[in-house]
Amino acid sequence: MRWEYRKIALNEHPEKSDDLALLSDAGEDGWELVVILPSNVAYLKRCIDALTNHVRLNGDDIDEPRAAKVKYRDPATGDTWSGRGRMANWLKCKRDAGEDIEKYRA
């Protein structure tokens, strides 16, 4: 498995921007939050192999990104998890509380 990494310096974005919205947008693009350091730098990762679909264009091989399908959804909050990478915190908390996570399957 190959991984791609990204960091976002949250302090470098305008004060009016919402850090959660910024990280949520990254999550929609397949990025998984690894850690936010005390210096307010967020480190993210995503699996390159899982996001790419090999296609041919004009005789050249290229990789075209594709979005991950949602496997789990919390109808109360709208939170989702694709089933790839570490389990989403919201779903892990429900599992740890004894809930059957299959009832959240999309």
PDB file of N, CA and C in Angstrom:
ATOM      1  N   MET A   1       0.835  -1.165   0.000  1.00  0.00           N
ATOM      2  CA  MET A   1       0.000   0.000   0.000  1.00  0.00           C
ATOM      3  C   MET A   1       0.889   1.240   0.000  1.00  0.00           C
ATOM      4  N   ARG A   2       0.551   2.201  -0.832  1.00  0.00           N
ATOM      5  CA  ARG A   2       1.304   3.452  -0.888  1.00  0.00           C
ATOM      6  C   ARG A   2       0.462   4.576  -0.284  1.00  0.00           C
ATOM      7  N   TRP A   3       1.133   5.455   0.470  1.00  0.00           N
ATOM      8  CA  TRP A   3       0.452   6.551   1.151  1.00  0.00           C
ATOM      9  C   TRP A   3       0.955   7.887   0.646  1.00  0.00           C
ATOM     10  N   GLU A   4       0.085   8.850   0.649  1.00  0.00           N
ATOM     11  CA  GLU A   4       0.392  10.226   0.300  1.00  0.00           C
ATOM     12  C   GLU A   4       0.150  11.052   1.565  1.00  0.00           C
ATOM     13  N   TYR A   5       1.012  12.013   1.826  1.00  0.00           N
ATOM     14  CA  TYR A   5       0.912  12.805   3.054  1.00  0.00           C
ATOM     15  C   TYR A   5       0.751  14.287   2.728  1.00  0.00           C
ATOM     16  N   ARG A   6       0.106  14.999   3.634  1.00  0.00           N
ATOM     17  CA  ARG A   6      -0.137  16.430   3.443  1.00  0.00           C
ATOM     18  C   ARG A   6      -0.148  17.093   4.817  1.00  0.00           C
ATOM     19  N   LYS A   7       0.309  18.330   4.870  1.00  0.00           N
ATOM     20  CA  LYS A   7       0.186  19.077   6.118  1.00  0.00           C
ATOM     21  C   LYS A   7      -0.497  20.397   5.825  1.00  0.00           C
ATOM     22  N   ILE A   8      -1.293  20.838   6.798  1.00  0.00           N
ATOM     23  CA  ILE A   8      -2.002  22.105   6.683  1.00  0.00           C
ATOM     24  C   ILE A   8      -1.647  22.945   7.902  1.00  0.00           C
ATOM     25  N   ALA A   9      -1.016  24.078   7.656  1.00  0.00           N
ATOM     26  CA  ALA A   9      -0.701  25.010   8.743  1.00  0.00           C
ATOM     27  C   ALA A   9      -1.965  25.828   9.002  1.00  0.00           C
ATOM     28  N   LEU A  10      -2.727  25.442  10.007  1.00  0.00           N
ATOM     29  CA  LEU A  10      -4.019  26.070  10.268  1.00  0.00           C
ATOM     30  C   LEU A  10      -3.884  27.549  10.611  1.00  0.00           C
ATOM     31  N   ASN A  11      -2.757  27.959  11.184  1.00  0.00           N
ATOM     32  CA  ASN A  11      -2.542  29.366  11.525  1.00  0.00           C
ATOM     33  C   ASN A  11      -2.351  30.247  10.293  1.00  0.00           C
ATOM     34  N   GLU A  12      -2.037  29.654   9.160  1.00  0.00           N
ATOM     35  CA  GLU A  12      -1.763  30.435   7.954  1.00  0.00           C
ATOM     36  C   GLU A  12      -3.022  30.736   7.152  1.00  0.00           C
ATOM     37  N   HIS A  13      -4.164  30.245   7.589  1.00  0.00           N
ATOM     38  CA  HIS A  13      -5.411  30.512   6.889  1.00  0.00           C
ATOM     39  C   HIS A  13      -6.086  31.709   7.545  1.00  0.00           C
ATOM     40  N   PRO A  14      -6.903  32.415   6.784  1.00  0.00           N
ATOM     41  CA  PRO A  14      -7.543  33.614   7.346  1.00  0.00           C
ATOM     42  C   PRO A  14      -8.302  33.285   8.636  1.00  0.00           C
ATOM     43  N   GLU A  15      -8.318  34.253   9.558  1.00  0.00           N
ATOM     44  CA  GLU A  15      -8.972  34.043  10.851  1.00  0.00           C
ATOM     45  C   GLU A  15     -10.454  33.697  10.699  1.00  0.00           C
ATOM     46  N   LYS A  16     -11.067  34.185   9.641  1.00  0.00           N
ATOM     47  CA  LYS A  16     -12.490  33.936   9.435  1.00  0.00           C
ATOM     48  C   LYS A  16     -12.759  32.510   8.956  1.00  0.00           C
ATOM     49  N   SER A  17     -11.715  31.811   8.488  1.00  0.00           N
ATOM     50  CA  SER A  17     -11.944  30.451   8.003  1.00  0.00           C
ATOM     51  C   SER A  17     -12.152  29.515   9.180  1.00  0.00           C
ATOM     52  N   ASP A  18     -12.982  28.528   8.971  1.00  0.00           N
ATOM     53  CA  ASP A  18     -13.304  27.552  10.001  1.00  0.00           C
ATOM     54  C   ASP A  18     -12.386  26.349   9.823  1.00  0.00           C
ATOM     55  N   ASP A  19     -11.562  26.060  10.858  1.00  0.00           N
ATOM     56  CA  ASP A  19     -10.631  24.932  10.769  1.00  0.00           C
ATOM     57  C   ASP A  19     -11.355  23.621  10.528  1.00  0.00           C
ATOM     58  N   LEU A  20     -12.521  23.445  11.169  1.00  0.00           N
ATOM     59  CA  LEU A  20     -13.272  22.202  10.988  1.00  0.00           C
ATOM     60  C   LEU A  20     -13.760  22.059   9.552  1.00  0.00           C
ATOM     61  N   ALA A  21     -14.202  23.152   8.939  1.00  0.00           N
ATOM     62  CA  ALA A  21     -14.650  23.099   7.550  1.00  0.00           C
ATOM     63  C   ALA A  21     -13.474  22.774   6.635  1.00  0.00           C
ATOM     64  N   LEU A  22     -12.323  23.353   6.921  1.00  0.00           N
ATOM     65  CA  LEU A  22     -11.121  23.099   6.128  1.00  0.00           C
ATOM     66  C   LEU A  22     -10.733  21.619   6.198  1.00  0.00           C
ATOM     67  N   LEU A  23     -10.753  21.055   7.398  1.00  0.00           N
ATOM     68  CA  LEU A  23     -10.412  19.646   7.566  1.00  0.00           C
ATOM     69  C   LEU A  23     -11.496  18.741   7.008  1.00  0.00           C
ATOM     70  N   SER A  24     -12.743  19.157   7.105  1.00  0.00           N
ATOM     71  CA  SER A  24     -13.851  18.389   6.540  1.00  0.00           C
ATOM     72  C   SER A  24     -13.730  18.313   5.019  1.00  0.00           C
ATOM     73  N   ASP A  25     -13.376  19.429   4.395  1.00  0.00           N
ATOM     74  CA  ASP A  25     -13.170  19.440   2.942  1.00  0.00           C
ATOM     75  C   ASP A  25     -12.055  18.481   2.552  1.00  0.00           C
ATOM     76  N   ALA A  26     -10.995  18.462   3.341  1.00  0.00           N
ATOM     77  CA  ALA A  26      -9.890  17.540   3.067  1.00  0.00           C
ATOM     78  C   ALA A  26     -10.371  16.101   3.211  1.00  0.00           C
ATOM     79  N   GLY A  27     -11.211  15.835   4.211  1.00  0.00           N
ATOM     80  CA  GLY A  27     -11.752  14.493   4.419  1.00  0.00           C
ATOM     81  C   GLY A  27     -12.597  14.033   3.249  1.00  0.00           C
ATOM     82  N   GLU A  28     -13.346  14.950   2.655  1.00  0.00           N
ATOM     83  CA  GLU A  28     -14.162  14.605   1.490  1.00  0.00           C
ATOM     84  C   GLU A  28     -13.295  14.227   0.293  1.00  0.00           C
ATOM     85  N   ASP A  29     -12.058  14.704   0.286  1.00  0.00           N
ATOM     86  CA  ASP A  29     -11.125  14.354  -0.786  1.00  0.00           C
ATOM     87  C   ASP A  29     -10.325  13.106  -0.457  1.00  0.00           C
ATOM     88  N   GLY A  30     -10.703  12.409   0.612  1.00  0.00           N
ATOM     89  CA  GLY A  30     -10.050  11.155   0.961  1.00  0.00           C
ATOM     90  C   GLY A  30      -8.926  11.273   1.968  1.00  0.00           C
ATOM     91  N   TRP A  31      -8.686  12.469   2.487  1.00  0.00           N
ATOM     92  CA  TRP A  31      -7.612  12.665   3.462  1.00  0.00           C
ATOM     93  C   TRP A  31      -8.087  12.255   4.845  1.00  0.00           C
ATOM     94  N   GLU A  32      -7.237  11.559   5.587  1.00  0.00           N
ATOM     95  CA  GLU A  32      -7.517  11.146   6.960  1.00  0.00           C
ATOM     96  C   GLU A  32      -6.616  11.945   7.888  1.00  0.00           C
ATOM     97  N   LEU A  33      -7.221  12.559   8.892  1.00  0.00           N
ATOM     98  CA  LEU A  33      -6.452  13.341   9.859  1.00  0.00           C
ATOM     99  C   LEU A  33      -5.634  12.392  10.724  1.00  0.00           C
ATOM    100  N   VAL A  34      -4.335  12.648  10.804  1.00  0.00           N
ATOM    101  CA  VAL A  34      -3.445  11.838  11.631  1.00  0.00           C
ATOM    102  C   VAL A  34      -3.259  12.512  12.986  1.00  0.00           C
ATOM    103  N   VAL A  35      -2.921  13.807  12.964  1.00  0.00           N
ATOM    104  CA  VAL A  35      -2.681  14.527  14.228  1.00  0.00           C
ATOM    105  C   VAL A  35      -2.721  16.031  13.962  1.00  0.00           C
ATOM    106  N   ILE A  36      -3.096  16.774  14.995  1.00  0.00           N
ATOM    107  CA  ILE A  36      -2.927  18.229  14.993  1.00  0.00           C
ATOM    108  C   ILE A  36      -1.961  18.533  16.122  1.00  0.00           C
ATOM    109  N   LEU A  37      -0.819  19.101  15.777  1.00  0.00           N
ATOM    110  CA  LEU A  37       0.212  19.414  16.760  1.00  0.00           C
ATOM    111  C   LEU A  37      -0.145  20.677  17.543  1.00  0.00           C
ATOM    112  N   PRO A  38       0.467  20.864  18.716  1.00  0.00           N
ATOM    113  CA  PRO A  38       0.221  22.091  19.495  1.00  0.00           C
ATOM    114  C   PRO A  38       0.548  23.367  18.700  1.00  0.00           C
ATOM    115  N   SER A  39       1.402  23.243  17.697  1.00  0.00           N
ATOM    116  CA  SER A  39       1.733  24.393  16.848  1.00  0.00           C
ATOM    117  C   SER A  39       0.634  24.683  15.836  1.00  0.00           C
ATOM    118  N   ASN A  40      -0.497  23.954  15.919  1.00  0.00           N
ATOM    119  CA  ASN A  40      -1.659  24.121  15.054  1.00  0.00           C
ATOM    120  C   ASN A  40      -1.371  23.737  13.605  1.00  0.00           C
ATOM    121  N   VAL A  41      -0.576  22.685  13.427  1.00  0.00           N
ATOM    122  CA  VAL A  41      -0.317  22.119  12.108  1.00  0.00           C
ATOM    123  C   VAL A  41      -0.995  20.750  12.063  1.00  0.00           C
ATOM    124  N   ALA A  42      -1.834  20.561  11.048  1.00  0.00           N
ATOM    125  CA  ALA A  42      -2.548  19.295  10.884  1.00  0.00           C
ATOM    126  C   ALA A  42      -1.800  18.432   9.869  1.00  0.00           C
ATOM    127  N   TYR A  43      -1.591  17.170  10.211  1.00  0.00           N
ATOM    128  CA  TYR A  43      -0.977  16.209   9.306  1.00  0.00           C
ATOM    129  C   TYR A  43      -2.050  15.229   8.864  1.00  0.00           C
ATOM    130  N   LEU A  44      -2.112  14.995   7.549  1.00  0.00           N
ATOM    131  CA  LEU A  44      -3.117  14.113   6.976  1.00  0.00           C
ATOM    132  C   LEU A  44      -2.455  13.076   6.088  1.00  0.00           C
ATOM    133  N   LYS A  45      -3.182  11.990   5.817  1.00  0.00           N
ATOM    134  CA  LYS A  45      -2.682  10.967   4.899  1.00  0.00           C
ATOM    135  C   LYS A  45      -3.847  10.380   4.137  1.00  0.00           C
ATOM    136  N   ARG A  46      -3.549   9.804   2.973  1.00  0.00           N
ATOM    137  CA  ARG A  46      -4.540   9.023   2.239  1.00  0.00           C
ATOM    138  C   ARG A  46      -3.811   7.967   1.423  1.00  0.00           C
ATOM    139  N   CYS A  47      -4.499   6.878   1.210  1.00  0.00           N
ATOM    140  CA  CYS A  47      -3.930   5.753   0.472  1.00  0.00           C
ATOM    141  C   CYS A  47      -3.997   6.064  -1.017  1.00  0.00           C
ATOM    142  N   ILE A  48      -2.857   6.072  -1.672  1.00  0.00           N
ATOM    143  CA  ILE A  48      -2.814   6.367  -3.100  1.00  0.00           C
ATOM    144  C   ILE A  48      -3.442   5.228  -3.893  1.00  0.00           C
ATOM    145  N   ASP A  49      -3.157   3.991  -3.519  1.00  0.00           N
ATOM    146  CA  ASP A  49      -3.667   2.836  -4.250  1.00  0.00           C
ATOM    147  C   ASP A  49      -5.186   2.793  -4.241  1.00  0.00           C
ATOM    148  N   ALA A  50      -5.803   3.165  -3.131  1.00  0.00           N
ATOM    149  CA  ALA A  50      -7.255   3.103  -3.007  1.00  0.00           C
ATOM    150  C   ALA A  50      -7.943   4.236  -3.757  1.00  0.00           C
ATOM    151  N   LEU A  51      -7.241   5.344  -3.988  1.00  0.00           N
ATOM    152  CA  LEU A  51      -7.855   6.502  -4.621  1.00  0.00           C
ATOM    153  C   LEU A  51      -7.664   6.558  -6.129  1.00  0.00           C
ATOM    154  N   THR A  52      -6.855   5.682  -6.672  1.00  0.00           N
ATOM    155  CA  THR A  52      -6.548   5.811  -8.086  1.00  0.00           C
ATOM    156  C   THR A  52      -7.209   4.720  -8.912  1.00  0.00           C
ATOM    157  N   ASN A  53      -7.576   5.097 -10.087  1.00  0.00           N
ATOM    158  CA  ASN A  53      -8.170   4.195 -11.047  1.00  0.00           C
ATOM    159  C   ASN A  53      -7.333   4.347 -12.315  1.00  0.00           C
ATOM    160  N   HIS A  54      -6.602   3.324 -12.701  1.00  0.00           N
ATOM    161  CA  HIS A  54      -5.665   3.412 -13.811  1.00  0.00           C
ATOM    162  C   HIS A  54      -6.417   3.500 -15.138  1.00  0.00           C
ATOM    163  N   VAL A  55      -6.143   4.546 -15.929  1.00  0.00           N
ATOM    164  CA  VAL A  55      -6.793   4.726 -17.229  1.00  0.00           C
ATOM    165  C   VAL A  55      -5.744   5.119 -18.264  1.00  0.00           C
ATOM    166  N   ARG A  56      -6.105   4.998 -19.532  1.00  0.00           N
ATOM    167  CA  ARG A  56      -5.241   5.422 -20.630  1.00  0.00           C
ATOM    168  C   ARG A  56      -5.855   6.656 -21.270  1.00  0.00           C
ATOM    169  N   LEU A  57      -5.017   7.662 -21.530  1.00  0.00           N
ATOM    170  CA  LEU A  57      -5.470   8.880 -22.167  1.00  0.00           C
ATOM    171  C   LEU A  57      -4.437   9.259 -23.222  1.00  0.00           C
ATOM    172  N   ASN A  58      -4.858   9.338 -24.480  1.00  0.00           N
ATOM    173  CA  ASN A  58      -3.958   9.670 -25.592  1.00  0.00           C
ATOM    174  C   ASN A  58      -2.735   8.756 -25.623  1.00  0.00           C
ATOM    175  N   GLY A  59      -2.938   7.494 -25.284  1.00  0.00           N
ATOM    176  CA  GLY A  59      -1.839   6.536 -25.328  1.00  0.00           C
ATOM    177  C   GLY A  59      -0.946   6.561 -24.106  1.00  0.00           C
ATOM    178  N   ASP A  60      -1.147   7.529 -23.198  1.00  0.00           N
ATOM    179  CA  ASP A  60      -0.330   7.628 -21.989  1.00  0.00           C
ATOM    180  C   ASP A  60      -1.097   7.048 -20.817  1.00  0.00           C
ATOM    181  N   ASP A  61      -0.394   6.367 -19.938  1.00  0.00           N
ATOM    182  CA  ASP A  61      -1.003   5.863 -18.715  1.00  0.00           C
ATOM    183  C   ASP A  61      -1.037   6.984 -17.695  1.00  0.00           C
ATOM    184  N   ILE A  62      -2.210   7.217 -17.099  1.00  0.00           N
ATOM    185  CA  ILE A  62      -2.332   8.206 -16.030  1.00  0.00           C
ATOM    186  C   ILE A  62      -3.178   7.608 -14.924  1.00  0.00           C
ATOM    187  N   ASP A  63      -3.099   8.180 -13.763  1.00  0.00           N
ATOM    188  CA  ASP A  63      -3.946   7.778 -12.651  1.00  0.00           C
ATOM    189  C   ASP A  63      -4.997   8.849 -12.442  1.00  0.00           C
ATOM    190  N   GLU A  64      -6.248   8.423 -12.382  1.00  0.00           N
ATOM    191  CA  GLU A  64      -7.363   9.347 -12.202  1.00  0.00           C
ATOM    192  C   GLU A  64      -7.974   9.122 -10.828  1.00  0.00           C
ATOM    193  N   PRO A  65      -8.072  10.173 -10.005  1.00  0.00           N
ATOM    194  CA  PRO A  65      -8.629   9.985  -8.663  1.00  0.00           C
ATOM    195  C   PRO A  65     -10.113   9.642  -8.705  1.00  0.00           C
ATOM    196  N   ARG A  66     -10.553   8.871  -7.725  1.00  0.00           N
ATOM    197  CA  ARG A  66     -11.975   8.587  -7.595  1.00  0.00           C
ATOM    198  C   ARG A  66     -12.334   8.670  -6.110  1.00  0.00           C
ATOM    199  N   ALA A  67     -13.528   9.090  -5.844  1.00  0.00           N
ATOM    200  CA  ALA A  67     -13.963   9.296  -4.456  1.00  0.00           C
ATOM    201  C   ALA A  67     -14.293   7.964  -3.793  1.00  0.00           C
ATOM    202  N   ALA A  68     -14.067   7.905  -2.500  1.00  0.00           N
ATOM    203  CA  ALA A  68     -14.408   6.718  -1.725  1.00  0.00           C
ATOM    204  C   ALA A  68     -15.908   6.710  -1.453  1.00  0.00           C
ATOM    205  N   LYS A  69     -16.515   5.531  -1.523  1.00  0.00           N
ATOM    206  CA  LYS A  69     -17.938   5.403  -1.227  1.00  0.00           C
ATOM    207  C   LYS A  69     -18.145   5.365   0.284  1.00  0.00           C
ATOM    208  N   VAL A  70     -19.241   5.926   0.713  1.00  0.00           N
ATOM    209  CA  VAL A  70     -19.583   5.943   2.133  1.00  0.00           C
ATOM    210  C   VAL A  70     -20.136   4.574   2.523  1.00  0.00           C
ATOM    211  N   LYS A  71     -19.567   3.976   3.576  1.00  0.00           N
ATOM    212  CA  LYS A  71     -20.058   2.686   4.064  1.00  0.00           C
ATOM    213  C   LYS A  71     -20.883   2.841   5.333  1.00  0.00           C
ATOM    214  N   TYR A  72     -20.581   3.856   6.138  1.00  0.00           N
ATOM    215  CA  TYR A  72     -21.283   4.074   7.399  1.00  0.00           C
ATOM    216  C   TYR A  72     -21.710   5.532   7.488  1.00  0.00           C
ATOM    217  N   ARG A  73     -22.931   5.759   7.988  1.00  0.00           N
ATOM    218  CA  ARG A  73     -23.448   7.121   8.116  1.00  0.00           C
ATOM    219  C   ARG A  73     -24.257   7.217   9.406  1.00  0.00           C
ATOM    220  N   ASP A  74     -24.027   8.308  10.145  1.00  0.00           N
ATOM    221  CA  ASP A  74     -24.821   8.581  11.336  1.00  0.00           C
ATOM    222  C   ASP A  74     -25.950   9.515  10.906  1.00  0.00           C
ATOM    223  N   PRO A  75     -27.198   9.038  10.886  1.00  0.00           N
ATOM    224  CA  PRO A  75     -28.299   9.882  10.405  1.00  0.00           C
ATOM    225  C   PRO A  75     -28.542  11.111  11.289  1.00  0.00           C
ATOM    226  N   ALA A  76     -28.174  11.040  12.549  1.00  0.00           N
ATOM    227  CA  ALA A  76     -28.403  12.176  13.453  1.00  0.00           C
ATOM    228  C   ALA A  76     -27.456  13.332  13.172  1.00  0.00           C
ATOM    229  N   THR A  77     -26.185  13.025  12.842  1.00  0.00           N
ATOM    230  CA  THR A  77     -25.187  14.090  12.653  1.00  0.00           C
ATOM    231  C   THR A  77     -24.735  14.255  11.209  1.00  0.00           C
ATOM    232  N   GLY A  78     -24.960  13.216  10.390  1.00  0.00           N
ATOM    233  CA  GLY A  78     -24.483  13.263   9.005  1.00  0.00           C
ATOM    234  C   GLY A  78     -23.036  12.829   8.854  1.00  0.00           C
ATOM    235  N   ASP A  79     -22.381  12.444   9.961  1.00  0.00           N
ATOM    236  CA  ASP A  79     -20.997  11.973   9.897  1.00  0.00           C
ATOM    237  C   ASP A  79     -20.931  10.688   9.080  1.00  0.00           C
ATOM    238  N   THR A  80     -19.826  10.525   8.343  1.00  0.00           N
ATOM    239  CA  THR A  80     -19.664   9.338   7.506  1.00  0.00           C
ATOM    240  C   THR A  80     -18.281   8.741   7.675  1.00  0.00           C
ATOM    241  N   TRP A  81     -18.146   7.489   7.235  1.00  0.00           N
ATOM    242  CA  TRP A  81     -16.852   6.807   7.162  1.00  0.00           C
ATOM    243  C   TRP A  81     -16.899   5.864   5.986  1.00  0.00           C
ATOM    244  N   SER A  82     -15.829   5.854   5.205  1.00  0.00           N
ATOM    245  CA  SER A  82     -15.766   5.025   4.002  1.00  0.00           C
ATOM    246  C   SER A  82     -15.414   3.580   4.304  1.00  0.00           C
ATOM    247  N   GLY A  83     -14.925   3.310   5.503  1.00  0.00           N
ATOM    248  CA  GLY A  83     -14.497   1.950   5.823  1.00  0.00           C
ATOM    249  C   GLY A  83     -13.020   1.745   5.555  1.00  0.00           C
ATOM    250  N   ARG A  84     -12.357   2.769   5.032  1.00  0.00           N
ATOM    251  CA  ARG A  84     -10.917   2.678   4.767  1.00  0.00           C
ATOM    252  C   ARG A  84     -10.150   3.392   5.864  1.00  0.00           C
ATOM    253  N   GLY A  85      -8.958   2.886   6.139  1.00  0.00           N
ATOM    254  CA  GLY A  85      -8.128   3.516   7.159  1.00  0.00           C
ATOM    255  C   GLY A  85      -8.670   3.242   8.545  1.00  0.00           C
ATOM    256  N   ARG A  86      -8.196   4.025   9.501  1.00  0.00           N
ATOM    257  CA  ARG A  86      -8.666   3.866  10.873  1.00  0.00           C
ATOM    258  C   ARG A  86     -10.147   4.186  10.972  1.00  0.00           C
ATOM    259  N   MET A  87     -10.832   3.482  11.854  1.00  0.00           N
ATOM    260  CA  MET A  87     -12.257   3.714  12.051  1.00  0.00           C
ATOM    261  C   MET A  87     -12.475   5.153  12.519  1.00  0.00           C
ATOM    262  N   ALA A  88     -13.503   5.782  11.965  1.00  0.00           N
ATOM    263  CA  ALA A  88     -13.851   7.153  12.350  1.00  0.00           C
ATOM    264  C   ALA A  88     -14.164   7.202  13.845  1.00  0.00           C
ATOM    265  N   ASN A  89     -13.743   8.284  14.491  1.00  0.00           N
ATOM    266  CA  ASN A  89     -13.933   8.420  15.940  1.00  0.00           C
ATOM    267  C   ASN A  89     -15.395   8.294  16.358  1.00  0.00           C
ATOM    268  N   TRP A  90     -16.299   8.900  15.603  1.00  0.00           N
ATOM    269  CA  TRP A  90     -17.710   8.850  15.980  1.00  0.00           C
ATOM    270  C   TRP A  90     -18.220   7.413  15.991  1.00  0.00           C
ATOM    271  N   LEU A  91     -17.770   6.605  15.025  1.00  0.00           N
ATOM    272  CA  LEU A  91     -18.219   5.218  14.947  1.00  0.00           C
ATOM    273  C   LEU A  91     -17.529   4.359  16.003  1.00  0.00           C
ATOM    274  N   LYS A  92     -16.260   4.645  16.237  1.00  0.00           N
ATOM    275  CA  LYS A  92     -15.522   3.907  17.270  1.00  0.00           C
ATOM    276  C   LYS A  92     -16.156   4.133  18.644  1.00  0.00           C
ATOM    277  N   CYS A  93     -16.566   5.360  18.943  1.00  0.00           N
ATOM    278  CA  CYS A  93     -17.214   5.661  20.223  1.00  0.00           C
ATOM    279  C   CYS A  93     -18.518   4.879  20.374  1.00  0.00           C
ATOM    280  N   LYS A  94     -19.265   4.766  19.289  1.00  0.00           N
ATOM    281  CA  LYS A  94     -20.521   4.017  19.341  1.00  0.00           C
ATOM    282  C   LYS A  94     -20.253   2.528  19.552  1.00  0.00           C
ATOM    283  N   ARG A  95     -19.242   2.001  18.872  1.00  0.00           N
ATOM    284  CA  ARG A  95     -18.884   0.594  19.046  1.00  0.00           C
ATOM    285  C   ARG A  95     -18.407   0.327  20.468  1.00  0.00           C
ATOM    286  N   ASP A  96     -17.560   1.223  20.979  1.00  0.00           N
ATOM    287  CA  ASP A  96     -17.033   1.073  22.339  1.00  0.00           C
ATOM    288  C   ASP A  96     -18.139   1.178  23.398  1.00  0.00           C
ATOM    289  N   ALA A  97     -19.221   1.883  23.054  1.00  0.00           N
ATOM    290  CA  ALA A  97     -20.354   2.002  23.970  1.00  0.00           C
ATOM    291  C   ALA A  97     -21.273   0.784  23.891  1.00  0.00           C
ATOM    292  N   GLY A  98     -20.934  -0.173  23.039  1.00  0.00           N
ATOM    293  CA  GLY A  98     -21.704  -1.408  22.949  1.00  0.00           C
ATOM    294  C   GLY A  98     -22.733  -1.430  21.839  1.00  0.00           C
ATOM    295  N   GLU A  99     -22.794  -0.384  21.030  1.00  0.00           N
ATOM    296  CA  GLU A  99     -23.753  -0.366  19.924  1.00  0.00           C
ATOM    297  C   GLU A  99     -23.278  -1.251  18.782  1.00  0.00           C
ATOM    298  N   ASP A 100     -24.217  -1.791  18.031  1.00  0.00           N
ATOM    299  CA  ASP A 100     -23.913  -2.565  16.832  1.00  0.00           C
ATOM    300  C   ASP A 100     -23.711  -1.572  15.685  1.00  0.00           C
ATOM    301  N   ILE A 101     -22.495  -1.464  15.184  1.00  0.00           N
ATOM    302  CA  ILE A 101     -22.204  -0.450  14.154  1.00  0.00           C
ATOM    303  C   ILE A 101     -22.867  -0.785  12.818  1.00  0.00           C
ATOM    304  N   GLU A 102     -23.338  -2.003  12.646  1.00  0.00           N
ATOM    305  CA  GLU A 102     -23.987  -2.373  11.387  1.00  0.00           C
ATOM    306  C   GLU A 102     -25.271  -1.589  11.164  1.00  0.00           C
ATOM    307  N   LYS A 103     -25.863  -1.066  12.235  1.00  0.00           N
ATOM    308  CA  LYS A 103     -27.086  -0.270  12.041  1.00  0.00           C
ATOM    309  C   LYS A 103     -26.774   1.072  11.404  1.00  0.00           C
ATOM    310  N   TYR A 104     -25.483   1.437  11.328  1.00  0.00           N
ATOM    311  CA  TYR A 104     -25.082   2.688  10.680  1.00  0.00           C
ATOM    312  C   TYR A 104     -24.592   2.452   9.249  1.00  0.00           C
ATOM    313  N   ARG A 105     -24.676   1.222   8.789  1.00  0.00           N
ATOM    314  CA  ARG A 105     -24.220   0.907   7.429  1.00  0.00           C
ATOM    315  C   ARG A 105     -25.099   1.643   6.429  1.00  0.00           C
ATOM    316  N   ALA A 106     -24.449   2.349   5.497  1.00  0.00           N
ATOM    317  CA  ALA A 106     -25.184   3.159   4.497  1.00  0.00           C
ATOM    318  C   ALA A 106     -25.758   2.282   3.396  1.00  0.00           C
TER     319      ALA A 106
END
